[in-house]
């Protein structure tokens, strides 16, 4: 199967993340699954007239297209023309190319949150009219209509993340190559369930602090970051702490709160990312699948039972109190 990769409006960070695929590297991994790039703007040698000829061949149907990957948001401005972003040398907007090539592809994959929902490039007043390939924020219908289906019958597959984990991209592509990704394998936002059915909270190294509601007060401290520092890992889809990044890291392992970058409109939380909004001293953003009254009752009990070791380490930047050894029976 072949892949045509287009980079639209964004930073190119998802491609940079993809190159961090390890043991094997991305080229060997995809090659072993029978996947190859027709063209990738950052990784392929072709440019200029060769690329224009390739795009024309795909558009005409002379060159079959298995997978169209789009990285970055689609700019619709000014006034819906898309001409804020032209595909160099073609005289046509990126929006026009995506709308023309998508129906030719067996599968369409939006790579990264800019491509899936608009992402950071749509933040603020969004003067460029940045939207996702098949979503505009939370709303179905982007550069492609909500009813769009690729030749396979699947909607646009949204590999959301800012940036995406390299494994999320390669695993999606390999599942498509194996014919093992159906619409039932996507969640309500068209994200692959193999990573979206997990919470970032799962396997977080700060979970003991979370269980006792022992909270950090500053970013350098070891405690749970939900109560004061804006962490929404209990609400965010992703297996970041299960599979790890670049040898095993993650945002929360590095001491930074999860900002839910796999979700639509994460870029507009209406408060600083490292600040937890509260009402009457109670965090507004509680775990998504737990009634607030239950959470508050359990939190009160947990805080009352917090071991001294956990409480003191929570507001320290390293282990201050080590676990005590349990004395044996005489």
C-alpha atoms as a PDB file:
ATOM      1  CA  UNK A   1       0.000   0.000   0.000  1.00  0.00           C
ATOM      2  CA  UNK A   2       1.198   3.510  -0.737  1.00  0.00           C
ATOM      3  CA  UNK A   3       0.933   6.689   1.332  1.00  0.00           C
ATOM      4  CA  UNK A   4       0.658  10.271   0.115  1.00  0.00           C
ATOM      5  CA  UNK A   5       1.453  12.669   2.962  1.00  0.00           C
ATOM      6  CA  UNK A   6       0.480  16.329   2.785  1.00  0.00           C
ATOM      7  CA  UNK A   7       1.657  18.905   5.334  1.00  0.00           C
ATOM      8  CA  UNK A   8      -0.884  21.647   5.787  1.00  0.00           C
ATOM      9  CA  UNK A   9      -0.949  24.500   8.329  1.00  0.00           C
ATOM     10  CA  UNK A  10       1.010  23.598  11.431  1.00  0.00           C
ATOM     11  CA  UNK A  11       4.484  23.198  12.873  1.00  0.00           C
ATOM     12  CA  UNK A  12       5.424  19.829  11.329  1.00  0.00           C
ATOM     13  CA  UNK A  13       5.829  18.419  14.835  1.00  0.00           C
ATOM     14  CA  UNK A  14       3.925  15.220  14.094  1.00  0.00           C
ATOM     15  CA  UNK A  15       6.433  14.317  11.385  1.00  0.00           C
ATOM     16  CA  UNK A  16       9.276  15.089  13.804  1.00  0.00           C
ATOM     17  CA  UNK A  17       7.595  12.842  16.370  1.00  0.00           C
ATOM     18  CA  UNK A  18       7.117  10.099  13.764  1.00  0.00           C
ATOM     19  CA  UNK A  19      10.863  10.051  13.159  1.00  0.00           C
ATOM     20  CA  UNK A  20      11.312   9.143  16.835  1.00  0.00           C
ATOM     21  CA  UNK A  21       9.862   5.677  16.202  1.00  0.00           C
ATOM     22  CA  UNK A  22      12.395   3.254  17.615  1.00  0.00           C
ATOM     23  CA  UNK A  23      13.444  -0.380  17.195  1.00  0.00           C
ATOM     24  CA  UNK A  24      12.721  -0.535  14.314  1.00  0.00           C
ATOM     25  CA  UNK A  25      12.749   2.945  12.799  1.00  0.00           C
ATOM     26  CA  UNK A  26       9.708   4.224  10.935  1.00  0.00           C
ATOM     27  CA  UNK A  27      10.971   3.310   7.457  1.00  0.00           C
ATOM     28  CA  UNK A  28      11.837  -0.291   8.344  1.00  0.00           C
ATOM     29  CA  UNK A  29       8.631  -0.661  10.353  1.00  0.00           C
ATOM     30  CA  UNK A  30       6.321   0.558   7.607  1.00  0.00           C
ATOM     31  CA  UNK A  31       8.306  -1.281   4.941  1.00  0.00           C
ATOM     32  CA  UNK A  32       7.877  -4.552   6.822  1.00  0.00           C
ATOM     33  CA  UNK A  33       4.097  -4.051   6.554  1.00  0.00           C
ATOM     34  CA  UNK A  34       4.270  -3.356   2.816  1.00  0.00           C
ATOM     35  CA  UNK A  35       3.759   0.389   3.226  1.00  0.00           C
ATOM     36  CA  UNK A  36       5.729   2.968   1.276  1.00  0.00           C
ATOM     37  CA  UNK A  37       5.537   6.700   0.663  1.00  0.00           C
ATOM     38  CA  UNK A  38       4.461   7.975  -2.713  1.00  0.00           C
ATOM     39  CA  UNK A  39       5.626  11.308  -1.370  1.00  0.00           C
ATOM     40  CA  UNK A  40       6.268  13.050   1.927  1.00  0.00           C
ATOM     41  CA  UNK A  41       7.312  16.734   1.803  1.00  0.00           C
ATOM     42  CA  UNK A  42       9.942  16.351   4.525  1.00  0.00           C
ATOM     43  CA  UNK A  43      11.181  12.823   3.815  1.00  0.00           C
ATOM     44  CA  UNK A  44      11.027  12.368   0.030  1.00  0.00           C
ATOM     45  CA  UNK A  45      13.565  13.498  -2.553  1.00  0.00           C
ATOM     46  CA  UNK A  46      11.080  14.581  -5.242  1.00  0.00           C
ATOM     47  CA  UNK A  47      10.186  18.243  -5.559  1.00  0.00           C
ATOM     48  CA  UNK A  48       8.890  20.716  -8.108  1.00  0.00           C
ATOM     49  CA  UNK A  49       7.614  19.268 -11.360  1.00  0.00           C
ATOM     50  CA  UNK A  50       7.979  15.667 -10.186  1.00  0.00           C
ATOM     51  CA  UNK A  51       5.590  16.295  -7.303  1.00  0.00           C
ATOM     52  CA  UNK A  52       3.127  18.213  -9.476  1.00  0.00           C
ATOM     53  CA  UNK A  53       3.090  15.299 -11.916  1.00  0.00           C
ATOM     54  CA  UNK A  54       2.552  12.842  -9.063  1.00  0.00           C
ATOM     55  CA  UNK A  55      -0.346  14.838  -7.630  1.00  0.00           C
ATOM     56  CA  UNK A  56      -1.885  15.142 -11.062  1.00  0.00           C
ATOM     57  CA  UNK A  57      -1.590  11.391 -11.608  1.00  0.00           C
ATOM     58  CA  UNK A  58      -3.303  10.660  -8.296  1.00  0.00           C
ATOM     59  CA  UNK A  59      -6.034  13.206  -8.989  1.00  0.00           C
ATOM     60  CA  UNK A  60      -6.737  11.735 -12.430  1.00  0.00           C
ATOM     61  CA  UNK A  61      -6.805   8.183 -11.080  1.00  0.00           C
ATOM     62  CA  UNK A  62      -3.762   7.096 -13.089  1.00  0.00           C
ATOM     63  CA  UNK A  63      -1.836   6.521  -9.844  1.00  0.00           C
ATOM     64  CA  UNK A  64      -3.868   4.542  -7.289  1.00  0.00           C
ATOM     65  CA  UNK A  65      -3.885   6.027  -3.780  1.00  0.00           C
ATOM     66  CA  UNK A  66      -4.213   3.768  -0.768  1.00  0.00           C
ATOM     67  CA  UNK A  67      -3.721   6.163   2.152  1.00  0.00           C
ATOM     68  CA  UNK A  68      -3.889   9.953   2.182  1.00  0.00           C
ATOM     69  CA  UNK A  69      -2.311  11.383   5.347  1.00  0.00           C
ATOM     70  CA  UNK A  70      -2.875  15.037   6.174  1.00  0.00           C
ATOM     71  CA  UNK A  71      -0.786  16.766   8.857  1.00  0.00           C
ATOM     72  CA  UNK A  72      -1.758  20.258   9.976  1.00  0.00           C
ATOM     73  CA  UNK A  73      -5.040  22.131   9.846  1.00  0.00           C
ATOM     74  CA  UNK A  74      -6.767  23.237   6.673  1.00  0.00           C
ATOM     75  CA  UNK A  75      -6.929  27.000   6.199  1.00  0.00           C
ATOM     76  CA  UNK A  76     -10.238  28.155   4.716  1.00  0.00           C
ATOM     77  CA  UNK A  77      -9.529  31.897   4.602  1.00  0.00           C
ATOM     78  CA  UNK A  78      -9.930  34.341   3.129  1.00  0.00           C
ATOM     79  CA  UNK A  79     -13.692  34.098   2.789  1.00  0.00           C
ATOM     80  CA  UNK A  80     -13.747  30.336   2.284  1.00  0.00           C
ATOM     81  CA  UNK A  81     -11.304  30.311  -0.644  1.00  0.00           C
ATOM     82  CA  UNK A  82      -8.466  28.539   1.174  1.00  0.00           C
ATOM     83  CA  UNK A  83      -5.988  30.805  -0.578  1.00  0.00           C
ATOM     84  CA  UNK A  84      -4.224  31.725   2.629  1.00  0.00           C
ATOM     85  CA  UNK A  85      -2.331  28.482   2.035  1.00  0.00           C
ATOM     86  CA  UNK A  86      -1.356  27.560  -1.504  1.00  0.00           C
ATOM     87  CA  UNK A  87       0.410  24.322  -2.432  1.00  0.00           C
ATOM     88  CA  UNK A  88       3.557  25.772  -3.926  1.00  0.00           C
ATOM     89  CA  UNK A  89       3.829  25.676  -7.685  1.00  0.00           C
ATOM     90  CA  UNK A  90       0.316  24.351  -8.285  1.00  0.00           C
ATOM     91  CA  UNK A  91      -1.694  27.567  -8.181  1.00  0.00           C
ATOM     92  CA  UNK A  92      -4.225  25.788  -5.960  1.00  0.00           C
ATOM     93  CA  UNK A  93      -4.961  25.892  -2.269  1.00  0.00           C
ATOM     94  CA  UNK A  94      -4.189  23.033   0.075  1.00  0.00           C
ATOM     95  CA  UNK A  95      -7.906  22.913   0.865  1.00  0.00           C
ATOM     96  CA  UNK A  96      -8.650  22.350  -2.803  1.00  0.00           C
ATOM     97  CA  UNK A  97      -6.075  19.566  -3.074  1.00  0.00           C
ATOM     98  CA  UNK A  98      -7.350  17.761   0.023  1.00  0.00           C
ATOM     99  CA  UNK A  99     -10.948  17.955  -1.167  1.00  0.00           C
ATOM    100  CA  UNK A 100      -9.925  16.661  -4.590  1.00  0.00           C
ATOM    101  CA  UNK A 101      -7.601  13.838  -3.468  1.00  0.00           C
ATOM    102  CA  UNK A 102      -9.569  12.499  -0.477  1.00  0.00           C
ATOM    103  CA  UNK A 103     -12.266  10.783  -2.587  1.00  0.00           C
ATOM    104  CA  UNK A 104      -9.476   9.024  -4.524  1.00  0.00           C
ATOM    105  CA  UNK A 105      -7.977   7.468  -1.384  1.00  0.00           C
ATOM    106  CA  UNK A 106      -8.950   4.124   0.079  1.00  0.00           C
ATOM    107  CA  UNK A 107      -8.282   5.647   3.506  1.00  0.00           C
ATOM    108  CA  UNK A 108      -7.829   9.199   4.805  1.00  0.00           C
ATOM    109  CA  UNK A 109      -5.854   9.743   8.011  1.00  0.00           C
ATOM    110  CA  UNK A 110      -5.663  13.077   9.827  1.00  0.00           C
ATOM    111  CA  UNK A 111      -2.370  13.140  11.729  1.00  0.00           C
ATOM    112  CA  UNK A 112      -2.254  15.345  14.825  1.00  0.00           C
ATOM    113  CA  UNK A 113      -4.819  17.534  16.548  1.00  0.00           C
ATOM    114  CA  UNK A 114      -4.433  20.385  14.047  1.00  0.00           C
ATOM    115  CA  UNK A 115      -5.455  18.031  11.238  1.00  0.00           C
ATOM    116  CA  UNK A 116      -8.153  16.306  13.255  1.00  0.00           C
ATOM    117  CA  UNK A 117      -9.965  19.200  14.923  1.00  0.00           C
ATOM    118  CA  UNK A 118      -8.133  22.459  14.106  1.00  0.00           C
ATOM    119  CA  UNK A 119      -5.767  22.408  17.067  1.00  0.00           C
ATOM    120  CA  UNK A 120      -3.372  25.161  18.027  1.00  0.00           C
ATOM    121  CA  UNK A 121      -3.574  26.789  14.592  1.00  0.00           C
ATOM    122  CA  UNK A 122      -7.279  27.491  15.182  1.00  0.00           C
ATOM    123  CA  UNK A 123      -6.760  29.122  18.591  1.00  0.00           C
ATOM    124  CA  UNK A 124      -7.833  32.644  19.427  1.00  0.00           C
ATOM    125  CA  UNK A 125      -9.824  34.588  16.870  1.00  0.00           C
ATOM    126  CA  UNK A 126      -8.666  32.156  14.140  1.00  0.00           C
ATOM    127  CA  UNK A 127      -8.317  34.770  11.383  1.00  0.00           C
ATOM    128  CA  UNK A 128      -7.039  32.183   8.893  1.00  0.00           C
ATOM    129  CA  UNK A 129     -10.116  29.983   9.320  1.00  0.00           C
ATOM    130  CA  UNK A 130      -8.162  26.886  10.415  1.00  0.00           C
ATOM    131  CA  UNK A 131     -10.264  23.723  10.700  1.00  0.00           C
ATOM    132  CA  UNK A 132      -9.679  19.987  10.756  1.00  0.00           C
ATOM    133  CA  UNK A 133      -9.996  17.610   7.827  1.00  0.00           C
ATOM    134  CA  UNK A 134     -13.445  16.315   8.888  1.00  0.00           C
ATOM    135  CA  UNK A 135     -14.075  18.246  12.119  1.00  0.00           C
ATOM    136  CA  UNK A 136     -14.215  21.889  13.085  1.00  0.00           C
ATOM    137  CA  UNK A 137     -13.396  21.672  16.768  1.00  0.00           C
ATOM    138  CA  UNK A 138     -16.046  19.460  18.363  1.00  0.00           C
ATOM    139  CA  UNK A 139     -18.370  19.774  15.390  1.00  0.00           C
ATOM    140  CA  UNK A 140     -18.422  17.179  12.580  1.00  0.00           C
ATOM    141  CA  UNK A 141     -17.773  18.745   9.198  1.00  0.00           C
ATOM    142  CA  UNK A 142     -14.451  20.382   8.355  1.00  0.00           C
ATOM    143  CA  UNK A 143     -12.667  20.661   5.029  1.00  0.00           C
ATOM    144  CA  UNK A 144     -14.557  17.471   4.193  1.00  0.00           C
ATOM    145  CA  UNK A 145     -18.251  17.131   5.063  1.00  0.00           C
ATOM    146  CA  UNK A 146     -19.396  15.083   8.043  1.00  0.00           C
ATOM    147  CA  UNK A 147     -20.865  12.479   5.688  1.00  0.00           C
ATOM    148  CA  UNK A 148     -17.585  11.947   3.801  1.00  0.00           C
ATOM    149  CA  UNK A 149     -16.356   8.393   3.495  1.00  0.00           C
ATOM    150  CA  UNK A 150     -13.168   7.220   1.820  1.00  0.00           C
ATOM    151  CA  UNK A 151     -13.293   4.428  -0.760  1.00  0.00           C
ATOM    152  CA  UNK A 152     -12.996   1.895   2.063  1.00  0.00           C
ATOM    153  CA  UNK A 153     -16.207   3.238   3.598  1.00  0.00           C
ATOM    154  CA  UNK A 154     -14.400   4.655   6.632  1.00  0.00           C
ATOM    155  CA  UNK A 155     -14.605   8.269   7.763  1.00  0.00           C
ATOM    156  CA  UNK A 156     -11.402  10.255   8.224  1.00  0.00           C
ATOM    157  CA  UNK A 157      -9.369   8.452  10.891  1.00  0.00           C
ATOM    158  CA  UNK A 158      -8.350  11.015  13.507  1.00  0.00           C
ATOM    159  CA  UNK A 159      -4.958  10.222  15.031  1.00  0.00           C
ATOM    160  CA  UNK A 160      -5.169  13.135  17.450  1.00  0.00           C
ATOM    161  CA  UNK A 161      -2.322  14.364  19.651  1.00  0.00           C
ATOM    162  CA  UNK A 162      -0.081  17.407  19.843  1.00  0.00           C
ATOM    163  CA  UNK A 163       2.132  15.922  18.674  1.00  0.00           C
ATOM    164  CA  UNK A 164       1.030  12.373  18.019  1.00  0.00           C
ATOM    165  CA  UNK A 165       2.920   9.485  19.572  1.00  0.00           C
ATOM    166  CA  UNK A 166       4.876   7.845  16.711  1.00  0.00           C
ATOM    167  CA  UNK A 167       3.346   4.474  17.590  1.00  0.00           C
ATOM    168  CA  UNK A 168      -0.174   5.865  17.222  1.00  0.00           C
ATOM    169  CA  UNK A 169       0.604   6.762  13.620  1.00  0.00           C
ATOM    170  CA  UNK A 170       2.526   3.628  12.659  1.00  0.00           C
ATOM    171  CA  UNK A 171       0.041   1.317  14.376  1.00  0.00           C
ATOM    172  CA  UNK A 172      -2.868   2.985  12.568  1.00  0.00           C
ATOM    173  CA  UNK A 173      -1.143   2.651   9.190  1.00  0.00           C
ATOM    174  CA  UNK A 174      -0.170  -0.972   9.835  1.00  0.00           C
ATOM    175  CA  UNK A 175      -3.721  -1.857  10.908  1.00  0.00           C
ATOM    176  CA  UNK A 176      -5.020  -0.331   7.680  1.00  0.00           C
ATOM    177  CA  UNK A 177      -2.459  -2.303   5.678  1.00  0.00           C
ATOM    178  CA  UNK A 178      -3.609  -5.490   7.388  1.00  0.00           C
ATOM    179  CA  UNK A 179      -7.305  -4.689   6.886  1.00  0.00           C
ATOM    180  CA  UNK A 180      -7.787  -4.713  10.649  1.00  0.00           C
ATOM    181  CA  UNK A 181      -9.220  -1.257  11.304  1.00  0.00           C
ATOM    182  CA  UNK A 182     -13.006  -0.915  11.048  1.00  0.00           C
ATOM    183  CA  UNK A 183     -15.335   1.926  12.025  1.00  0.00           C
ATOM    184  CA  UNK A 184     -16.132  -0.003  15.203  1.00  0.00           C
ATOM    185  CA  UNK A 185     -12.453   0.390  16.145  1.00  0.00           C
ATOM    186  CA  UNK A 186     -12.863   4.183  16.335  1.00  0.00           C
ATOM    187  CA  UNK A 187     -14.344   6.206  19.189  1.00  0.00           C
ATOM    188  CA  UNK A 188     -17.038   8.891  18.872  1.00  0.00           C
ATOM    189  CA  UNK A 189     -14.441  11.397  17.653  1.00  0.00           C
ATOM    190  CA  UNK A 190     -13.037   8.918  15.107  1.00  0.00           C
ATOM    191  CA  UNK A 191      -9.870   8.297  17.143  1.00  0.00           C
ATOM    192  CA  UNK A 192      -8.454   4.741  17.080  1.00  0.00           C
ATOM    193  CA  UNK A 193      -9.550   2.918  20.210  1.00  0.00           C
ATOM    194  CA  UNK A 194      -6.216   1.164  20.691  1.00  0.00           C
ATOM    195  CA  UNK A 195      -4.961   4.341  22.324  1.00  0.00           C
ATOM    196  CA  UNK A 196      -8.148   6.389  22.866  1.00  0.00           C
ATOM    197  CA  UNK A 197      -9.816   3.782  25.097  1.00  0.00           C
ATOM    198  CA  UNK A 198      -7.191   4.487  27.768  1.00  0.00           C
ATOM    199  CA  UNK A 199      -6.832   7.520  30.010  1.00  0.00           C
ATOM    200  CA  UNK A 200      -3.552   9.384  30.405  1.00  0.00           C
ATOM    201  CA  UNK A 201      -4.154   8.783  34.131  1.00  0.00           C
ATOM    202  CA  UNK A 202      -3.576   5.051  33.616  1.00  0.00           C
ATOM    203  CA  UNK A 203      -0.051   4.126  34.781  1.00  0.00           C
ATOM    204  CA  UNK A 204       0.747   7.735  35.727  1.00  0.00           C
ATOM    205  CA  UNK A 205       3.742   7.686  38.125  1.00  0.00           C
ATOM    206  CA  UNK A 206       1.879  10.130  40.370  1.00  0.00           C
ATOM    207  CA  UNK A 207      -1.033   7.780  41.007  1.00  0.00           C
ATOM    208  CA  UNK A 208      -0.164   7.104  44.653  1.00  0.00           C
ATOM    209  CA  UNK A 209      -0.344  10.844  45.297  1.00  0.00           C
ATOM    210  CA  UNK A 210      -3.639  10.989  43.389  1.00  0.00           C
ATOM    211  CA  UNK A 211      -5.136   8.183  45.470  1.00  0.00           C
ATOM    212  CA  UNK A 212      -4.432  10.083  48.689  1.00  0.00           C
ATOM    213  CA  UNK A 213      -5.190  13.484  47.106  1.00  0.00           C
ATOM    214  CA  UNK A 214      -1.704  14.573  48.083  1.00  0.00           C
ATOM    215  CA  UNK A 215      -1.194  17.515  45.763  1.00  0.00           C
ATOM    216  CA  UNK A 216       1.792  19.370  44.399  1.00  0.00           C
ATOM    217  CA  UNK A 217       1.672  23.135  44.763  1.00  0.00           C
ATOM    218  CA  UNK A 218       4.440  23.927  42.256  1.00  0.00           C
ATOM    219  CA  UNK A 219       5.513  22.307  38.989  1.00  0.00           C
ATOM    220  CA  UNK A 220       8.782  21.075  40.473  1.00  0.00           C
ATOM    221  CA  UNK A 221       7.069  19.013  43.163  1.00  0.00           C
ATOM    222  CA  UNK A 222       6.251  15.295  43.138  1.00  0.00           C
ATOM    223  CA  UNK A 223       2.583  15.314  44.130  1.00  0.00           C
ATOM    224  CA  UNK A 224      -0.565  14.963  42.026  1.00  0.00           C
ATOM    225  CA  UNK A 225      -1.123  17.956  39.740  1.00  0.00           C
ATOM    226  CA  UNK A 226      -4.908  17.710  39.409  1.00  0.00           C
ATOM    227  CA  UNK A 227      -5.934  19.838  42.394  1.00  0.00           C
ATOM    228  CA  UNK A 228      -3.774  22.917  41.758  1.00  0.00           C
ATOM    229  CA  UNK A 229      -1.760  22.619  38.538  1.00  0.00           C
ATOM    230  CA  UNK A 230      -4.351  21.952  35.845  1.00  0.00           C
ATOM    231  CA  UNK A 231      -3.718  18.263  35.117  1.00  0.00           C
ATOM    232  CA  UNK A 232      -6.661  16.627  33.329  1.00  0.00           C
ATOM    233  CA  UNK A 233      -5.158  13.162  32.901  1.00  0.00           C
ATOM    234  CA  UNK A 234      -8.261  11.634  34.519  1.00  0.00           C
ATOM    235  CA  UNK A 235     -10.322  13.010  31.618  1.00  0.00           C
ATOM    236  CA  UNK A 236      -7.888  12.741  28.696  1.00  0.00           C
ATOM    237  CA  UNK A 237      -7.850   9.910  26.157  1.00  0.00           C
ATOM    238  CA  UNK A 238      -4.399   8.454  25.524  1.00  0.00           C
ATOM    239  CA  UNK A 239      -2.040   5.682  26.583  1.00  0.00           C
ATOM    240  CA  UNK A 240       0.871   8.101  27.084  1.00  0.00           C
ATOM    241  CA  UNK A 241       1.903   6.629  30.441  1.00  0.00           C
ATOM    242  CA  UNK A 242       1.439   3.032  29.289  1.00  0.00           C
ATOM    243  CA  UNK A 243       3.578   2.967  26.151  1.00  0.00           C
ATOM    244  CA  UNK A 244       5.732   6.013  26.935  1.00  0.00           C
ATOM    245  CA  UNK A 245       7.500   8.369  24.576  1.00  0.00           C
ATOM    246  CA  UNK A 246      11.094   8.304  23.360  1.00  0.00           C
ATOM    247  CA  UNK A 247      12.159   5.440  25.556  1.00  0.00           C
ATOM    248  CA  UNK A 248       9.515   5.781  28.251  1.00  0.00           C
ATOM    249  CA  UNK A 249       8.789   9.440  29.023  1.00  0.00           C
ATOM    250  CA  UNK A 250       5.500  11.325  29.227  1.00  0.00           C
ATOM    251  CA  UNK A 251       4.267  14.771  30.229  1.00  0.00           C
ATOM    252  CA  UNK A 252       3.334  13.728  33.750  1.00  0.00           C
ATOM    253  CA  UNK A 253       6.519  11.695  34.200  1.00  0.00           C
ATOM    254  CA  UNK A 254       8.416  14.863  33.372  1.00  0.00           C
ATOM    255  CA  UNK A 255       6.413  16.781  35.982  1.00  0.00           C
ATOM    256  CA  UNK A 256       4.106  18.682  33.631  1.00  0.00           C
ATOM    257  CA  UNK A 257       0.296  18.399  33.776  1.00  0.00           C
ATOM    258  CA  UNK A 258      -1.651  16.617  31.061  1.00  0.00           C
ATOM    259  CA  UNK A 259      -3.450  19.237  28.945  1.00  0.00           C
ATOM    260  CA  UNK A 260      -5.659  16.749  27.037  1.00  0.00           C
ATOM    261  CA  UNK A 261      -4.008  17.416  23.672  1.00  0.00           C
ATOM    262  CA  UNK A 262      -5.887  14.553  21.978  1.00  0.00           C
ATOM    263  CA  UNK A 263      -9.221  16.356  22.440  1.00  0.00           C
ATOM    264  CA  UNK A 264     -10.973  18.932  20.271  1.00  0.00           C
ATOM    265  CA  UNK A 265     -10.482  22.509  21.447  1.00  0.00           C
ATOM    266  CA  UNK A 266      -7.839  21.592  24.041  1.00  0.00           C
ATOM    267  CA  UNK A 267      -6.034  24.743  22.916  1.00  0.00           C
ATOM    268  CA  UNK A 268      -8.787  26.920  24.430  1.00  0.00           C
ATOM    269  CA  UNK A 269      -9.176  25.759  28.052  1.00  0.00           C
ATOM    270  CA  UNK A 270     -10.307  29.262  29.165  1.00  0.00           C
ATOM    271  CA  UNK A 271      -7.628  29.242  31.893  1.00  0.00           C
ATOM    272  CA  UNK A 272      -3.840  28.818  32.068  1.00  0.00           C
ATOM    273  CA  UNK A 273      -2.783  25.246  31.325  1.00  0.00           C
ATOM    274  CA  UNK A 274      -1.014  24.964  34.693  1.00  0.00           C
ATOM    275  CA  UNK A 275      -3.905  26.266  36.755  1.00  0.00           C
ATOM    276  CA  UNK A 276      -6.892  24.278  38.015  1.00  0.00           C
ATOM    277  CA  UNK A 277     -10.161  26.249  37.846  1.00  0.00           C
ATOM    278  CA  UNK A 278     -12.191  25.863  41.039  1.00  0.00           C
ATOM    279  CA  UNK A 279     -15.621  26.672  42.373  1.00  0.00           C
ATOM    280  CA  UNK A 280     -15.852  27.191  46.123  1.00  0.00           C
ATOM    281  CA  UNK A 281     -12.398  25.649  46.391  1.00  0.00           C
ATOM    282  CA  UNK A 282     -13.428  22.498  44.511  1.00  0.00           C
ATOM    283  CA  UNK A 283     -11.774  21.670  41.148  1.00  0.00           C
ATOM    284  CA  UNK A 284     -14.231  22.062  38.302  1.00  0.00           C
ATOM    285  CA  UNK A 285     -12.657  19.364  36.136  1.00  0.00           C
ATOM    286  CA  UNK A 286     -13.165  16.111  38.022  1.00  0.00           C
ATOM    287  CA  UNK A 287     -12.767  12.585  36.593  1.00  0.00           C
ATOM    288  CA  UNK A 288     -15.117  12.259  33.637  1.00  0.00           C
ATOM    289  CA  UNK A 289     -16.794   9.019  34.713  1.00  0.00           C
ATOM    290  CA  UNK A 290     -17.318   9.667  38.428  1.00  0.00           C
ATOM    291  CA  UNK A 291     -20.159  11.574  40.141  1.00  0.00           C
ATOM    292  CA  UNK A 292     -18.890  14.723  41.849  1.00  0.00           C
ATOM    293  CA  UNK A 293     -20.441  13.866  45.233  1.00  0.00           C
ATOM    294  CA  UNK A 294     -18.710  10.477  45.291  1.00  0.00           C
ATOM    295  CA  UNK A 295     -15.404  12.042  44.343  1.00  0.00           C
ATOM    296  CA  UNK A 296     -15.627  14.631  47.123  1.00  0.00           C
ATOM    297  CA  UNK A 297     -16.534  12.001  49.714  1.00  0.00           C
ATOM    298  CA  UNK A 298     -13.670   9.742  48.686  1.00  0.00           C
ATOM    299  CA  UNK A 299     -11.269  12.692  48.496  1.00  0.00           C
ATOM    300  CA  UNK A 300     -12.076  13.652  52.086  1.00  0.00           C
ATOM    301  CA  UNK A 301     -11.465  10.121  53.306  1.00  0.00           C
ATOM    302  CA  UNK A 302      -8.275   9.821  51.269  1.00  0.00           C
ATOM    303  CA  UNK A 303      -6.825  13.055  52.610  1.00  0.00           C
ATOM    304  CA  UNK A 304      -7.581  11.965  56.166  1.00  0.00           C
ATOM    305  CA  UNK A 305      -5.725   8.691  55.574  1.00  0.00           C
ATOM    306  CA  UNK A 306      -2.693  10.150  53.795  1.00  0.00           C
ATOM    307  CA  UNK A 307       0.544   8.654  55.150  1.00  0.00           C
ATOM    308  CA  UNK A 308       3.131  11.169  56.348  1.00  0.00           C
ATOM    309  CA  UNK A 309       5.551   9.908  53.687  1.00  0.00           C
ATOM    310  CA  UNK A 310       3.113  10.675  50.863  1.00  0.00           C
ATOM    311  CA  UNK A 311       2.078  14.072  52.257  1.00  0.00           C
ATOM    312  CA  UNK A 312       5.668  15.285  52.692  1.00  0.00           C
ATOM    313  CA  UNK A 313       6.937  13.939  49.385  1.00  0.00           C
ATOM    314  CA  UNK A 314       4.012  15.537  47.518  1.00  0.00           C
ATOM    315  CA  UNK A 315       5.373  19.032  48.111  1.00  0.00           C
ATOM    316  CA  UNK A 316       9.030  18.088  47.651  1.00  0.00           C
ATOM    317  CA  UNK A 317      11.038  17.938  44.437  1.00  0.00           C
ATOM    318  CA  UNK A 318      12.578  14.580  45.379  1.00  0.00           C
ATOM    319  CA  UNK A 319      11.903  11.762  47.825  1.00  0.00           C
ATOM    320  CA  UNK A 320      12.269  13.235  51.294  1.00  0.00           C
ATOM    321  CA  UNK A 321      10.715  10.366  53.233  1.00  0.00           C
ATOM    322  CA  UNK A 322      11.493   6.829  52.105  1.00  0.00           C
ATOM    323  CA  UNK A 323       9.052   3.937  52.633  1.00  0.00           C
ATOM    324  CA  UNK A 324       9.537   2.356  56.016  1.00  0.00           C
ATOM    325  CA  UNK A 325      10.284  -1.344  56.273  1.00  0.00           C
ATOM    326  CA  UNK A 326       7.595  -3.406  57.901  1.00  0.00           C
ATOM    327  CA  UNK A 327       8.958  -5.103  60.964  1.00  0.00           C
ATOM    328  CA  UNK A 328       8.653  -8.869  61.011  1.00  0.00           C
ATOM    329  CA  UNK A 329       6.877 -10.898  63.639  1.00  0.00           C
ATOM    330  CA  UNK A 330       9.042 -11.974  66.539  1.00  0.00           C
END
